[in-house]
Each structure stands twice: as structure tokens, then as C-alpha cells.
Amino acid sequence: MEKRNNTYQLDLKELKLKDCSEGTKSLNLEFDNHDDIFNIFEVIKSKKIFEDENTATEFALGLKLFTEVMLKNKQHPLFEELRPAIMEFMKKLKSQ
């Protein structure tokens, strides 16, 4: 049985750089994730872990992108030591 994933498109654009110059770079990324990321945004916001909703969204997006890469590359030695800590972190996050 084929595992189904949700497909997303992310458009990222530099707006203003720290030297106050205008950003010129952009990135368009298409990726799959087993979770409904927009639902996760809402769940994280509703938990009120962070005061600012943008911070909650940044956190959720970063975490979902990172953990999906980790799941897809379970055997990669880079994640060997990190995997147990991430699993504990996710349990703690879900229990809040």
C-alpha cells in the first residue's frame, strides 16, 4: 500500500536585509509531509506556547520541515544521537 502525503509549496522571499538593503533572493520549494501542516499551525497557536502567533507558526513550520526530513532519512547517521531527544521533545509538545 502506497503511503499518502500532503503536498505543499513554500515561497520564500528576502524583503529587507540587516544592512537595510532590499532583498533580491527568492526560493520556491515543493515538499511532502504526512501531516496537515495548516492544522498543526492552528494547534500550536491554540496551545499558546508563544505569545506571538507568528512565532508559533515559525516554530511549527520549522519543526515539521525538520522532523519530516528526519523521518524520511531514519537511517542517516546525522540523526542517530538526535532522534531519541526529538522523540521525547515531540511527546512533551503533544502533551501540553
PDB file of N, CA and C in Angstrom:
ATOM      1  N   MET A   1       0.847  -1.189   0.000  1.00  0.00           N
ATOM      2  CA  MET A   1       0.000   0.000   0.000  1.00  0.00           C
ATOM      3  C   MET A   1       0.890   1.249   0.000  1.00  0.00           C
ATOM      4  N   GLU A   2       0.591   2.148  -0.882  1.00  0.00           N
ATOM      5  CA  GLU A   2       1.368   3.380  -1.006  1.00  0.00           C
ATOM      6  C   GLU A   2       0.983   4.358   0.105  1.00  0.00           C
ATOM      7  N   LYS A   3       1.997   4.923   0.743  1.00  0.00           N
ATOM      8  CA  LYS A   3       1.752   5.904   1.793  1.00  0.00           C
ATOM      9  C   LYS A   3       1.391   7.241   1.161  1.00  0.00           C
ATOM     10  N   ARG A   4       0.345   7.836   1.652  1.00  0.00           N
ATOM     11  CA  ARG A   4      -0.116   9.115   1.108  1.00  0.00           C
ATOM     12  C   ARG A   4       0.441  10.267   1.918  1.00  0.00           C
ATOM     13  N   ASN A   5       0.784  11.318   1.214  1.00  0.00           N
ATOM     14  CA  ASN A   5       1.303  12.532   1.838  1.00  0.00           C
ATOM     15  C   ASN A   5       0.553  13.737   1.307  1.00  0.00           C
ATOM     16  N   ASN A   6       0.586  14.793   2.074  1.00  0.00           N
ATOM     17  CA  ASN A   6       0.099  16.087   1.614  1.00  0.00           C
ATOM     18  C   ASN A   6       1.258  16.769   0.897  1.00  0.00           C
ATOM     19  N   THR A   7       0.947  17.500  -0.160  1.00  0.00           N
ATOM     20  CA  THR A   7       1.970  18.223  -0.909  1.00  0.00           C
ATOM     21  C   THR A   7       1.764  19.717  -0.705  1.00  0.00           C
ATOM     22  N   TYR A   8       2.873  20.400  -0.450  1.00  0.00           N
ATOM     23  CA  TYR A   8       2.844  21.834  -0.156  1.00  0.00           C
ATOM     24  C   TYR A   8       3.826  22.579  -1.044  1.00  0.00           C
ATOM     25  N   GLN A   9       3.575  23.852  -1.186  1.00  0.00           N
ATOM     26  CA  GLN A   9       4.501  24.739  -1.890  1.00  0.00           C
ATOM     27  C   GLN A   9       4.824  25.895  -0.962  1.00  0.00           C
ATOM     28  N   LEU A  10       6.101  26.168  -0.829  1.00  0.00           N
ATOM     29  CA  LEU A  10       6.562  27.259   0.024  1.00  0.00           C
ATOM     30  C   LEU A  10       7.285  28.273  -0.846  1.00  0.00           C
ATOM     31  N   ASP A  11       6.876  29.526  -0.760  1.00  0.00           N
ATOM     32  CA  ASP A  11       7.545  30.619  -1.454  1.00  0.00           C
ATOM     33  C   ASP A  11       8.185  31.511  -0.407  1.00  0.00           C
ATOM     34  N   LEU A  12       9.486  31.656  -0.488  1.00  0.00           N
ATOM     35  CA  LEU A  12      10.240  32.447   0.475  1.00  0.00           C
ATOM     36  C   LEU A  12      10.973  33.547  -0.276  1.00  0.00           C
ATOM     37  N   LYS A  13      10.839  34.757   0.216  1.00  0.00           N
ATOM     38  CA  LYS A  13      11.451  35.897  -0.466  1.00  0.00           C
ATOM     39  C   LYS A  13      12.127  36.804   0.546  1.00  0.00           C
ATOM     40  N   GLU A  14      13.355  37.184   0.246  1.00  0.00           N
ATOM     41  CA  GLU A  14      14.020  38.197   1.066  1.00  0.00           C
ATOM     42  C   GLU A  14      13.303  39.521   0.859  1.00  0.00           C
ATOM     43  N   LEU A  15      12.986  40.206   1.927  1.00  0.00           N
ATOM     44  CA  LEU A  15      12.358  41.516   1.803  1.00  0.00           C
ATOM     45  C   LEU A  15      13.351  42.627   2.107  1.00  0.00           C
ATOM     46  N   LYS A  16      13.969  42.521   3.274  1.00  0.00           N
ATOM     47  CA  LYS A  16      14.917  43.542   3.686  1.00  0.00           C
ATOM     48  C   LYS A  16      16.018  42.859   4.480  1.00  0.00           C
ATOM     49  N   LEU A  17      17.253  43.199   4.193  1.00  0.00           N
ATOM     50  CA  LEU A  17      18.389  42.590   4.871  1.00  0.00           C
ATOM     51  C   LEU A  17      18.819  43.440   6.059  1.00  0.00           C
ATOM     52  N   LYS A  18      19.623  42.862   6.938  1.00  0.00           N
ATOM     53  CA  LYS A  18      20.015  43.565   8.164  1.00  0.00           C
ATOM     54  C   LYS A  18      20.839  44.819   7.901  1.00  0.00           C
ATOM     55  N   ASP A  19      21.445  44.908   6.708  1.00  0.00           N
ATOM     56  CA  ASP A  19      22.172  46.142   6.366  1.00  0.00           C
ATOM     57  C   ASP A  19      21.240  47.183   5.743  1.00  0.00           C
ATOM     58  N   CYS A  20      19.927  46.922   5.828  1.00  0.00           N
ATOM     59  CA  CYS A  20      18.858  47.797   5.330  1.00  0.00           C
ATOM     60  C   CYS A  20      18.727  47.801   3.810  1.00  0.00           C
ATOM     61  N   SER A  21      19.467  46.950   3.131  1.00  0.00           N
ATOM     62  CA  SER A  21      19.302  46.861   1.682  1.00  0.00           C
ATOM     63  C   SER A  21      18.099  45.975   1.361  1.00  0.00           C
ATOM     64  N   GLU A  22      17.600  46.147   0.163  1.00  0.00           N
ATOM     65  CA  GLU A  22      16.457  45.365  -0.285  1.00  0.00           C
ATOM     66  C   GLU A  22      16.927  43.959  -0.646  1.00  0.00           C
ATOM     67  N   GLY A  23      16.169  42.970  -0.216  1.00  0.00           N
ATOM     68  CA  GLY A  23      16.483  41.590  -0.558  1.00  0.00           C
ATOM     69  C   GLY A  23      16.233  41.314  -2.025  1.00  0.00           C
ATOM     70  N   THR A  24      16.980  40.389  -2.585  1.00  0.00           N
ATOM     71  CA  THR A  24      16.836  40.068  -4.007  1.00  0.00           C
ATOM     72  C   THR A  24      16.593  38.583  -4.252  1.00  0.00           C
ATOM     73  N   LYS A  25      16.798  37.764  -3.256  1.00  0.00           N
ATOM     74  CA  LYS A  25      16.709  36.317  -3.454  1.00  0.00           C
ATOM     75  C   LYS A  25      15.318  35.797  -3.123  1.00  0.00           C
ATOM     76  N   SER A  26      14.982  34.696  -3.796  1.00  0.00           N
ATOM     77  CA  SER A  26      13.724  34.023  -3.503  1.00  0.00           C
ATOM     78  C   SER A  26      13.918  32.520  -3.693  1.00  0.00           C
ATOM     79  N   LEU A  27      13.017  31.773  -3.095  1.00  0.00           N
ATOM     80  CA  LEU A  27      13.068  30.321  -3.151  1.00  0.00           C
ATOM     81  C   LEU A  27      11.650  29.804  -3.293  1.00  0.00           C
ATOM     82  N   ASN A  28      11.465  28.846  -4.176  1.00  0.00           N
ATOM     83  CA  ASN A  28      10.195  28.164  -4.318  1.00  0.00           C
ATOM     84  C   ASN A  28      10.471  26.693  -4.072  1.00  0.00           C
ATOM     85  N   LEU A  29       9.791  26.123  -3.090  1.00  0.00           N
ATOM     86  CA  LEU A  29      10.055  24.751  -2.681  1.00  0.00           C
ATOM     87  C   LEU A  29       8.750  23.978  -2.618  1.00  0.00           C
ATOM     88  N   GLU A  30       8.723  22.831  -3.267  1.00  0.00           N
ATOM     89  CA  GLU A  30       7.584  21.925  -3.166  1.00  0.00           C
ATOM     90  C   GLU A  30       8.033  20.739  -2.331  1.00  0.00           C
ATOM     91  N   PHE A  31       7.209  20.333  -1.357  1.00  0.00           N
ATOM     92  CA  PHE A  31       7.583  19.237  -0.477  1.00  0.00           C
ATOM     93  C   PHE A  31       6.347  18.485  -0.004  1.00  0.00           C
ATOM     94  N   ASP A  32       6.576  17.268   0.468  1.00  0.00           N
ATOM     95  CA  ASP A  32       5.517  16.424   1.010  1.00  0.00           C
ATOM     96  C   ASP A  32       5.648  16.350   2.518  1.00  0.00           C
ATOM     97  N   ASN A  33       4.525  16.161   3.184  1.00  0.00           N
ATOM     98  CA  ASN A  33       4.529  15.947   4.621  1.00  0.00           C
ATOM     99  C   ASN A  33       3.341  15.057   4.961  1.00  0.00           C
ATOM    100  N   HIS A  34       3.542  14.143   5.878  1.00  0.00           N
ATOM    101  CA  HIS A  34       2.460  13.224   6.234  1.00  0.00           C
ATOM    102  C   HIS A  34       1.367  13.897   7.066  1.00  0.00           C
ATOM    103  N   ASP A  35       1.658  15.045   7.639  1.00  0.00           N
ATOM    104  CA  ASP A  35       0.677  15.760   8.458  1.00  0.00           C
ATOM    105  C   ASP A  35       0.006  16.891   7.689  1.00  0.00           C
ATOM    106  N   ASP A  36      -1.142  17.313   8.206  1.00  0.00           N
ATOM    107  CA  ASP A  36      -1.823  18.510   7.711  1.00  0.00           C
ATOM    108  C   ASP A  36      -1.157  19.697   8.414  1.00  0.00           C
ATOM    109  N   ILE A  37      -0.226  20.320   7.733  1.00  0.00           N
ATOM    110  CA  ILE A  37       0.586  21.370   8.355  1.00  0.00           C
ATOM    111  C   ILE A  37      -0.264  22.567   8.787  1.00  0.00           C
ATOM    112  N   PHE A  38      -1.273  22.911   8.019  1.00  0.00           N
ATOM    113  CA  PHE A  38      -2.106  24.053   8.399  1.00  0.00           C
ATOM    114  C   PHE A  38      -2.884  23.768   9.690  1.00  0.00           C
ATOM    115  N   ASN A  39      -3.288  22.522   9.874  1.00  0.00           N
ATOM    116  CA  ASN A  39      -3.927  22.141  11.134  1.00  0.00           C
ATOM    117  C   ASN A  39      -2.932  22.250  12.289  1.00  0.00           C
ATOM    118  N   ILE A  40      -1.697  21.846  12.050  1.00  0.00           N
ATOM    119  CA  ILE A  40      -0.668  21.937  13.090  1.00  0.00           C
ATOM    120  C   ILE A  40      -0.416  23.387  13.467  1.00  0.00           C
ATOM    121  N   PHE A  41      -0.429  24.296  12.495  1.00  0.00           N
ATOM    122  CA  PHE A  41      -0.289  25.720  12.822  1.00  0.00           C
ATOM    123  C   PHE A  41      -1.361  26.121  13.837  1.00  0.00           C
ATOM    124  N   GLU A  42      -2.580  25.725  13.574  1.00  0.00           N
ATOM    125  CA  GLU A  42      -3.693  26.097  14.456  1.00  0.00           C
ATOM    126  C   GLU A  42      -3.559  25.456  15.836  1.00  0.00           C
ATOM    127  N   VAL A  43      -3.139  24.196  15.875  1.00  0.00           N
ATOM    128  CA  VAL A  43      -2.962  23.511  17.157  1.00  0.00           C
ATOM    129  C   VAL A  43      -1.889  24.206  17.998  1.00  0.00           C
ATOM    130  N   ILE A  44      -0.761  24.501  17.379  1.00  0.00           N
ATOM    131  CA  ILE A  44       0.335  25.165  18.105  1.00  0.00           C
ATOM    132  C   ILE A  44      -0.111  26.546  18.593  1.00  0.00           C
ATOM    133  N   LYS A  45      -0.810  27.286  17.742  1.00  0.00           N
ATOM    134  CA  LYS A  45      -1.316  28.600  18.170  1.00  0.00           C
ATOM    135  C   LYS A  45      -2.274  28.459  19.350  1.00  0.00           C
ATOM    136  N   SER A  46      -3.142  27.452  19.294  1.00  0.00           N
ATOM    137  CA  SER A  46      -4.151  27.282  20.356  1.00  0.00           C
ATOM    138  C   SER A  46      -3.524  26.885  21.684  1.00  0.00           C
ATOM    139  N   LYS A  47      -2.367  26.252  21.667  1.00  0.00           N
ATOM    140  CA  LYS A  47      -1.686  25.869  22.903  1.00  0.00           C
ATOM    141  C   LYS A  47      -1.063  27.074  23.604  1.00  0.00           C
ATOM    142  N   LYS A  48      -0.938  28.173  22.868  1.00  0.00           N
ATOM    143  CA  LYS A  48      -0.388  29.429  23.404  1.00  0.00           C
ATOM    144  C   LYS A  48       0.982  29.216  24.063  1.00  0.00           C
ATOM    145  N   ILE A  49       1.811  28.410  23.399  1.00  0.00           N
ATOM    146  CA  ILE A  49       3.185  28.180  23.860  1.00  0.00           C
ATOM    147  C   ILE A  49       3.979  29.475  23.749  1.00  0.00           C
ATOM    148  N   PHE A  50       3.692  30.230  22.690  1.00  0.00           N
ATOM    149  CA  PHE A  50       4.347  31.511  22.438  1.00  0.00           C
ATOM    150  C   PHE A  50       3.286  32.598  22.434  1.00  0.00           C
ATOM    151  N   GLU A  51       3.655  33.774  22.873  1.00  0.00           N
ATOM    152  CA  GLU A  51       2.698  34.886  22.895  1.00  0.00           C
ATOM    153  C   GLU A  51       2.319  35.342  21.495  1.00  0.00           C
ATOM    154  N   ASP A  52       3.297  35.339  20.603  1.00  0.00           N
ATOM    155  CA  ASP A  52       3.098  35.848  19.249  1.00  0.00           C
ATOM    156  C   ASP A  52       2.704  34.712  18.299  1.00  0.00           C
ATOM    157  N   GLU A  53       1.619  34.895  17.558  1.00  0.00           N
ATOM    158  CA  GLU A  53       1.158  33.871  16.624  1.00  0.00           C
ATOM    159  C   GLU A  53       2.159  33.609  15.501  1.00  0.00           C
ATOM    160  N   ASN A  54       2.863  34.654  15.060  1.00  0.00           N
ATOM    161  CA  ASN A  54       3.878  34.444  14.020  1.00  0.00           C
ATOM    162  C   ASN A  54       4.989  33.530  14.524  1.00  0.00           C
ATOM    163  N   THR A  55       5.383  33.707  15.765  1.00  0.00           N
ATOM    164  CA  THR A  55       6.404  32.849  16.359  1.00  0.00           C
ATOM    165  C   THR A  55       5.915  31.408  16.404  1.00  0.00           C
ATOM    166  N   ALA A  56       4.663  31.217  16.768  1.00  0.00           N
ATOM    167  CA  ALA A  56       4.086  29.876  16.806  1.00  0.00           C
ATOM    168  C   ALA A  56       4.101  29.229  15.426  1.00  0.00           C
ATOM    169  N   THR A  57       3.769  30.004  14.403  1.00  0.00           N
ATOM    170  CA  THR A  57       3.773  29.483  13.035  1.00  0.00           C
ATOM    171  C   THR A  57       5.188  29.161  12.573  1.00  0.00           C
ATOM    172  N   GLU A  58       6.140  30.047  12.855  1.00  0.00           N
ATOM    173  CA  GLU A  58       7.544  29.785  12.500  1.00  0.00           C
ATOM    174  C   GLU A  58       8.031  28.502  13.167  1.00  0.00           C
ATOM    175  N   PHE A  59       7.724  28.356  14.448  1.00  0.00           N
ATOM    176  CA  PHE A  59       8.120  27.168  15.190  1.00  0.00           C
ATOM    177  C   PHE A  59       7.534  25.906  14.558  1.00  0.00           C
ATOM    178  N   ALA A  60       6.228  25.925  14.305  1.00  0.00           N
ATOM    179  CA  ALA A  60       5.556  24.747  13.748  1.00  0.00           C
ATOM    180  C   ALA A  60       6.105  24.399  12.370  1.00  0.00           C
ATOM    181  N   LEU A  61       6.304  25.396  11.521  1.00  0.00           N
ATOM    182  CA  LEU A  61       6.821  25.145  10.179  1.00  0.00           C
ATOM    183  C   LEU A  61       8.240  24.566  10.237  1.00  0.00           C
ATOM    184  N   GLY A  62       9.083  25.188  11.019  1.00  0.00           N
ATOM    185  CA  GLY A  62      10.455  24.692  11.136  1.00  0.00           C
ATOM    186  C   GLY A  62      10.510  23.277  11.672  1.00  0.00           C
ATOM    187  N   LEU A  63       9.724  23.016  12.699  1.00  0.00           N
ATOM    188  CA  LEU A  63       9.701  21.692  13.303  1.00  0.00           C
ATOM    189  C   LEU A  63       9.184  20.642  12.323  1.00  0.00           C
ATOM    190  N   LYS A  64       8.118  20.959  11.618  1.00  0.00           N
ATOM    191  CA  LYS A  64       7.555  19.990  10.667  1.00  0.00           C
ATOM    192  C   LYS A  64       8.500  19.739   9.501  1.00  0.00           C
ATOM    193  N   LEU A  65       9.152  20.769   8.988  1.00  0.00           N
ATOM    194  CA  LEU A  65      10.110  20.556   7.893  1.00  0.00           C
ATOM    195  C   LEU A  65      11.265  19.686   8.367  1.00  0.00           C
ATOM    196  N   PHE A  66      11.794  20.006   9.536  1.00  0.00           N
ATOM    197  CA  PHE A  66      12.934  19.260  10.064  1.00  0.00           C
ATOM    198  C   PHE A  66      12.576  17.805  10.363  1.00  0.00           C
ATOM    199  N   THR A  67      11.478  17.592  11.092  1.00  0.00           N
ATOM    200  CA  THR A  67      11.150  16.232  11.502  1.00  0.00           C
ATOM    201  C   THR A  67      10.746  15.352  10.321  1.00  0.00           C
ATOM    202  N   GLU A  68      10.172  15.936   9.296  1.00  0.00           N
ATOM    203  CA  GLU A  68       9.819  15.139   8.109  1.00  0.00           C
ATOM    204  C   GLU A  68      11.082  14.668   7.395  1.00  0.00           C
ATOM    205  N   VAL A  69      12.075  15.544   7.289  1.00  0.00           N
ATOM    206  CA  VAL A  69      13.357  15.140   6.698  1.00  0.00           C
ATOM    207  C   VAL A  69      13.977  14.025   7.541  1.00  0.00           C
ATOM    208  N   MET A  70      13.899  14.169   8.843  1.00  0.00           N
ATOM    209  CA  MET A  70      14.447  13.154   9.727  1.00  0.00           C
ATOM    210  C   MET A  70      13.720  11.814   9.553  1.00  0.00           C
ATOM    211  N   LEU A  71      12.393  11.847   9.441  1.00  0.00           N
ATOM    212  CA  LEU A  71      11.629  10.622   9.228  1.00  0.00           C
ATOM    213  C   LEU A  71      11.980   9.943   7.910  1.00  0.00           C
ATOM    214  N   LYS A  72      12.153  10.744   6.882  1.00  0.00           N
ATOM    215  CA  LYS A  72      12.466  10.189   5.562  1.00  0.00           C
ATOM    216  C   LYS A  72      13.896   9.659   5.479  1.00  0.00           C
ATOM    217  N   ASN A  73      14.716  10.032   6.440  1.00  0.00           N
ATOM    218  CA  ASN A  73      16.127   9.616   6.447  1.00  0.00           C
ATOM    219  C   ASN A  73      16.479   8.980   7.795  1.00  0.00           C
ATOM    220  N   LYS A  74      15.618   8.080   8.255  1.00  0.00           N
ATOM    221  CA  LYS A  74      15.762   7.469   9.582  1.00  0.00           C
ATOM    222  C   LYS A  74      17.133   6.855   9.827  1.00  0.00           C
ATOM    223  N   GLN A  75      17.704   6.266   8.815  1.00  0.00           N
ATOM    224  CA  GLN A  75      18.969   5.555   8.997  1.00  0.00           C
ATOM    225  C   GLN A  75      20.195   6.434   8.826  1.00  0.00           C
ATOM    226  N   HIS A  76      20.007   7.698   8.508  1.00  0.00           N
ATOM    227  CA  HIS A  76      21.154   8.586   8.301  1.00  0.00           C
ATOM    228  C   HIS A  76      21.879   8.795   9.629  1.00  0.00           C
ATOM    229  N   PRO A  77      23.197   8.614   9.637  1.00  0.00           N
ATOM    230  CA  PRO A  77      23.955   8.756  10.884  1.00  0.00           C
ATOM    231  C   PRO A  77      23.864  10.152  11.508  1.00  0.00           C
ATOM    232  N   LEU A  78      23.566  11.146  10.714  1.00  0.00           N
ATOM    233  CA  LEU A  78      23.452  12.511  11.233  1.00  0.00           C
ATOM    234  C   LEU A  78      22.394  12.614  12.334  1.00  0.00           C
ATOM    235  N   PHE A  79      21.339  11.808  12.228  1.00  0.00           N
ATOM    236  CA  PHE A  79      20.224  11.899  13.166  1.00  0.00           C
ATOM    237  C   PHE A  79      20.306  10.893  14.307  1.00  0.00           C
ATOM    238  N   GLU A  80      21.315  10.065  14.315  1.00  0.00           N
ATOM    239  CA  GLU A  80      21.420   8.974  15.287  1.00  0.00           C
ATOM    240  C   GLU A  80      21.301   9.437  16.732  1.00  0.00           C
ATOM    241  N   GLU A  81      22.059  10.423  17.120  1.00  0.00           N
ATOM    242  CA  GLU A  81      22.036  10.900  18.503  1.00  0.00           C
ATOM    243  C   GLU A  81      20.845  11.811  18.785  1.00  0.00           C
ATOM    244  N   LEU A  82      20.358  12.475  17.769  1.00  0.00           N
ATOM    245  CA  LEU A  82      19.275  13.448  17.931  1.00  0.00           C
ATOM    246  C   LEU A  82      17.897  12.781  18.002  1.00  0.00           C
ATOM    247  N   ARG A  83      17.722  11.657  17.332  1.00  0.00           N
ATOM    248  CA  ARG A  83      16.417  11.015  17.224  1.00  0.00           C
ATOM    249  C   ARG A  83      15.744  10.788  18.584  1.00  0.00           C
ATOM    250  N   PRO A  84      16.420  10.200  19.575  1.00  0.00           N
ATOM    251  CA  PRO A  84      15.745   9.998  20.874  1.00  0.00           C
ATOM    252  C   PRO A  84      15.301  11.306  21.533  1.00  0.00           C
ATOM    253  N   ALA A  85      16.116  12.331  21.445  1.00  0.00           N
ATOM    254  CA  ALA A  85      15.756  13.622  22.046  1.00  0.00           C
ATOM    255  C   ALA A  85      14.561  14.243  21.331  1.00  0.00           C
ATOM    256  N   ILE A  86      14.521  14.133  20.021  1.00  0.00           N
ATOM    257  CA  ILE A  86      13.387  14.681  19.252  1.00  0.00           C
ATOM    258  C   ILE A  86      12.109  13.926  19.602  1.00  0.00           C
ATOM    259  N   MET A  87      12.214  12.612  19.750  1.00  0.00           N
ATOM    260  CA  MET A  87      11.026  11.826  20.115  1.00  0.00           C
ATOM    261  C   MET A  87      10.478  12.259  21.477  1.00  0.00           C
ATOM    262  N   GLU A  88      11.358  12.478  22.439  1.00  0.00           N
ATOM    263  CA  GLU A  88      10.932  12.949  23.760  1.00  0.00           C
ATOM    264  C   GLU A  88      10.346  14.359  23.684  1.00  0.00           C
ATOM    265  N   PHE A  89      10.989  15.211  22.901  1.00  0.00           N
ATOM    266  CA  PHE A  89      10.507  16.576  22.709  1.00  0.00           C
ATOM    267  C   PHE A  89       9.095  16.569  22.122  1.00  0.00           C
ATOM    268  N   MET A  90       8.865  15.724  21.117  1.00  0.00           N
ATOM    269  CA  MET A  90       7.548  15.666  20.472  1.00  0.00           C
ATOM    270  C   MET A  90       6.489  15.155  21.453  1.00  0.00           C
ATOM    271  N   LYS A  91       6.835  14.187  22.282  1.00  0.00           N
ATOM    272  CA  LYS A  91       5.890  13.701  23.297  1.00  0.00           C
ATOM    273  C   LYS A  91       5.520  14.829  24.260  1.00  0.00           C
ATOM    274  N   LYS A  92       6.522  15.569  24.694  1.00  0.00           N
ATOM    275  CA  LYS A  92       6.285  16.696  25.617  1.00  0.00           C
ATOM    276  C   LYS A  92       5.408  17.762  24.959  1.00  0.00           C
ATOM    277  N   LEU A  93       5.709  18.088  23.714  1.00  0.00           N
ATOM    278  CA  LEU A  93       4.936  19.098  22.984  1.00  0.00           C
ATOM    279  C   LEU A  93       3.480  18.654  22.831  1.00  0.00           C
ATOM    280  N   LYS A  94       3.266  17.417  22.462  1.00  0.00           N
ATOM    281  CA  LYS A  94       1.896  16.919  22.247  1.00  0.00           C
ATOM    282  C   LYS A  94       1.117  16.830  23.536  1.00  0.00           C
ATOM    283  N   SER A  95       1.790  16.662  24.663  1.00  0.00           N
ATOM    284  CA  SER A  95       1.093  16.529  25.942  1.00  0.00           C
ATOM    285  C   SER A  95       0.662  17.871  26.518  1.00  0.00           C
ATOM    286  N   GLN A  96       1.170  18.964  25.989  1.00  0.00           N
ATOM    287  CA  GLN A  96       0.816  20.296  26.533  1.00  0.00           C
ATOM    288  C   GLN A  96      -0.579  20.686  26.127  1.00  0.00           C
TER     289      GLN A  96
END
